[in-house]
């Protein structure tokens, strides 16, 4: 995926790749409601702006350095 990719919606796998996480972790984030998705027909897609929202929420949440990897 190139940095010039401006698609509105992504597959779960593409969204995981964009965040630099694994597919299983991405599915867990979607299932828990931390990352919002939409259904188009029978397809589950992640709006690209929802990834930005998720990262913004991570920046707002206080993080303990003891828990950081």
Foldseek 3Di string as FASTA:
>chain_A
DDPPDDDQKAALCVLCVVVVHDSVVSVVCPVVVLADWDQDPNGIIGGPVSSVVSVVVVVVDDDDPVPDD
